[in-house]
Amino acid sequence: MTSPVGSKANKSKFDCYDDLAEDEPYFVIRADDPLSDALIELHAYIGAGQSGASHNKLAEIMELTRERPPRPSDSPKYRETFAISQAMEVWRRNNKR
């Protein structure tokens, strides 16, 4: 049986992990995250310029998040996620090609 595309055993042809600069921040969304597939689909719709589908997928994500209470905003996991986001913005600005 072939491993699913995008896994360690069957990397996507667009996998960029080996191409990351040593100081380039990155963020991994794993399949065990209940929002993972919807978030990746949203990213694809946005990248493809499909605003209607993007809007619908975001609405679906918001509905999914209503089903359980969010972690506190001061959660160490979320604080780090926001720090990574900020680091990505700074890195991109400083490394424009």
C-alpha atoms as a PDB file:
ATOM      1  CA  MET A   1       0.000   0.000   0.000  1.00  0.00           C
ATOM      2  CA  THR A   2       1.327   3.407  -0.963  1.00  0.00           C
ATOM      3  CA  SER A   3       1.597   6.034   1.762  1.00  0.00           C
ATOM      4  CA  PRO A   4      -0.649   9.073   1.310  1.00  0.00           C
ATOM      5  CA  VAL A   5       0.771  11.981  -0.673  1.00  0.00           C
ATOM      6  CA  GLY A   6       2.212  14.659   1.557  1.00  0.00           C
ATOM      7  CA  SER A   7       3.412  12.182   4.200  1.00  0.00           C
ATOM      8  CA  LYS A   8       6.988  11.576   5.330  1.00  0.00           C
ATOM      9  CA  ALA A   9       7.025   8.372   3.298  1.00  0.00           C
ATOM     10  CA  ASN A  10       5.497   9.959   0.165  1.00  0.00           C
ATOM     11  CA  LYS A  11       6.476  13.615   0.028  1.00  0.00           C
ATOM     12  CA  SER A  12       4.540  15.955  -2.211  1.00  0.00           C
ATOM     13  CA  LYS A  13       6.488  17.038  -5.269  1.00  0.00           C
ATOM     14  CA  PHE A  14       6.003  20.550  -3.874  1.00  0.00           C
ATOM     15  CA  ASP A  15       7.379  19.668  -0.428  1.00  0.00           C
ATOM     16  CA  CYS A  16       9.637  22.508   0.617  1.00  0.00           C
ATOM     17  CA  TYR A  17      11.091  21.279   3.902  1.00  0.00           C
ATOM     18  CA  ASP A  18      14.514  20.481   2.417  1.00  0.00           C
ATOM     19  CA  ASP A  19      14.556  23.883   0.661  1.00  0.00           C
ATOM     20  CA  LEU A  20      13.943  25.969   3.795  1.00  0.00           C
ATOM     21  CA  ALA A  21      16.648  28.477   4.640  1.00  0.00           C
ATOM     22  CA  GLU A  22      18.245  27.767   8.026  1.00  0.00           C
ATOM     23  CA  ASP A  23      16.545  30.820   9.527  1.00  0.00           C
ATOM     24  CA  GLU A  24      13.237  30.550   7.650  1.00  0.00           C
ATOM     25  CA  PRO A  25      10.259  30.074   9.976  1.00  0.00           C
ATOM     26  CA  TYR A  26       7.734  27.374   9.067  1.00  0.00           C
ATOM     27  CA  PHE A  27       4.515  25.950  10.480  1.00  0.00           C
ATOM     28  CA  VAL A  28       3.217  22.400  10.146  1.00  0.00           C
ATOM     29  CA  ILE A  29      -0.468  21.501  10.165  1.00  0.00           C
ATOM     30  CA  ARG A  30      -0.820  17.799  10.886  1.00  0.00           C
ATOM     31  CA  ALA A  31      -3.663  15.570   9.762  1.00  0.00           C
ATOM     32  CA  ASP A  32      -4.649  14.898  13.375  1.00  0.00           C
ATOM     33  CA  ASP A  33      -5.691  18.553  13.728  1.00  0.00           C
ATOM     34  CA  PRO A  34      -9.481  18.506  13.260  1.00  0.00           C
ATOM     35  CA  LEU A  35      -9.311  21.630  11.075  1.00  0.00           C
ATOM     36  CA  SER A  36      -6.317  20.539   8.978  1.00  0.00           C
ATOM     37  CA  ASP A  37      -8.094  19.533   5.778  1.00  0.00           C
ATOM     38  CA  ALA A  38     -10.402  22.557   5.822  1.00  0.00           C
ATOM     39  CA  LEU A  39      -7.493  24.966   6.451  1.00  0.00           C
ATOM     40  CA  ILE A  40      -5.436  23.508   3.612  1.00  0.00           C
ATOM     41  CA  GLU A  41      -8.438  23.623   1.294  1.00  0.00           C
ATOM     42  CA  LEU A  42      -9.014  27.276   2.249  1.00  0.00           C
ATOM     43  CA  HIS A  43      -5.371  28.030   1.434  1.00  0.00           C
ATOM     44  CA  ALA A  44      -5.777  26.353  -1.969  1.00  0.00           C
ATOM     45  CA  TYR A  45      -8.973  28.273  -2.775  1.00  0.00           C
ATOM     46  CA  ILE A  46      -7.373  31.580  -1.826  1.00  0.00           C
ATOM     47  CA  GLY A  47      -4.267  30.803  -3.886  1.00  0.00           C
ATOM     48  CA  ALA A  48      -6.443  29.882  -6.877  1.00  0.00           C
ATOM     49  CA  GLY A  49      -8.371  33.145  -6.597  1.00  0.00           C
ATOM     50  CA  GLN A  50     -11.665  31.400  -5.903  1.00  0.00           C
ATOM     51  CA  SER A  51     -13.196  33.968  -3.577  1.00  0.00           C
ATOM     52  CA  GLY A  52     -16.646  32.353  -3.413  1.00  0.00           C
ATOM     53  CA  ALA A  53     -15.259  28.956  -2.482  1.00  0.00           C
ATOM     54  CA  SER A  54     -12.860  30.651  -0.017  1.00  0.00           C
ATOM     55  CA  HIS A  55     -15.749  32.413   1.676  1.00  0.00           C
ATOM     56  CA  ASN A  56     -17.765  29.194   1.907  1.00  0.00           C
ATOM     57  CA  LYS A  57     -14.820  27.219   3.306  1.00  0.00           C
ATOM     58  CA  LEU A  58     -14.098  29.914   5.899  1.00  0.00           C
ATOM     59  CA  ALA A  59     -17.755  29.826   6.955  1.00  0.00           C
ATOM     60  CA  GLU A  60     -17.471  26.034   7.295  1.00  0.00           C
ATOM     61  CA  ILE A  61     -14.342  26.416   9.437  1.00  0.00           C
ATOM     62  CA  MET A  62     -16.065  28.957  11.674  1.00  0.00           C
ATOM     63  CA  GLU A  63     -18.987  26.570  12.115  1.00  0.00           C
ATOM     64  CA  LEU A  64     -16.605  23.736  13.029  1.00  0.00           C
ATOM     65  CA  THR A  65     -14.940  25.889  15.672  1.00  0.00           C
ATOM     66  CA  ARG A  66     -18.280  26.585  17.364  1.00  0.00           C
ATOM     67  CA  GLU A  67     -18.586  22.935  18.304  1.00  0.00           C
ATOM     68  CA  ARG A  68     -15.996  23.176  21.044  1.00  0.00           C
ATOM     69  CA  PRO A  69     -14.713  25.963  23.229  1.00  0.00           C
ATOM     70  CA  PRO A  70     -11.482  27.603  22.087  1.00  0.00           C
ATOM     71  CA  ARG A  71      -8.280  27.361  24.045  1.00  0.00           C
ATOM     72  CA  PRO A  72      -7.553  30.477  26.075  1.00  0.00           C
ATOM     73  CA  SER A  73      -5.843  33.192  24.024  1.00  0.00           C
ATOM     74  CA  ASP A  74      -2.919  33.095  26.427  1.00  0.00           C
ATOM     75  CA  SER A  75      -2.343  29.380  25.730  1.00  0.00           C
ATOM     76  CA  PRO A  76       1.401  28.783  25.194  1.00  0.00           C
ATOM     77  CA  LYS A  77       0.625  26.904  21.967  1.00  0.00           C
ATOM     78  CA  TYR A  78      -1.301  29.830  20.486  1.00  0.00           C
ATOM     79  CA  ARG A  79       1.178  32.416  21.736  1.00  0.00           C
ATOM     80  CA  GLU A  80       3.889  30.503  19.883  1.00  0.00           C
ATOM     81  CA  THR A  81       1.699  30.225  16.766  1.00  0.00           C
ATOM     82  CA  PHE A  82       1.290  34.013  16.703  1.00  0.00           C
ATOM     83  CA  ALA A  83       5.046  34.420  17.247  1.00  0.00           C
ATOM     84  CA  ILE A  84       5.724  32.149  14.253  1.00  0.00           C
ATOM     85  CA  SER A  85       3.292  34.168  12.144  1.00  0.00           C
ATOM     86  CA  GLN A  86       5.076  37.382  13.087  1.00  0.00           C
ATOM     87  CA  ALA A  87       8.485  35.801  12.417  1.00  0.00           C
ATOM     88  CA  MET A  88       7.276  34.716   8.962  1.00  0.00           C
ATOM     89  CA  GLU A  89       6.191  38.255   8.115  1.00  0.00           C
ATOM     90  CA  VAL A  90       9.532  39.715   9.233  1.00  0.00           C
ATOM     91  CA  TRP A  91      11.543  37.005   7.449  1.00  0.00           C
ATOM     92  CA  ARG A  92       9.623  37.504   4.196  1.00  0.00           C
ATOM     93  CA  ARG A  93      10.087  41.289   4.356  1.00  0.00           C
ATOM     94  CA  ASN A  94      13.841  40.897   4.983  1.00  0.00           C
ATOM     95  CA  ASN A  95      14.334  38.212   2.323  1.00  0.00           C
ATOM     96  CA  LYS A  96      12.443  39.595  -0.681  1.00  0.00           C
ATOM     97  CA  ARG A  97      13.829  38.227  -3.914  1.00  0.00           C
END
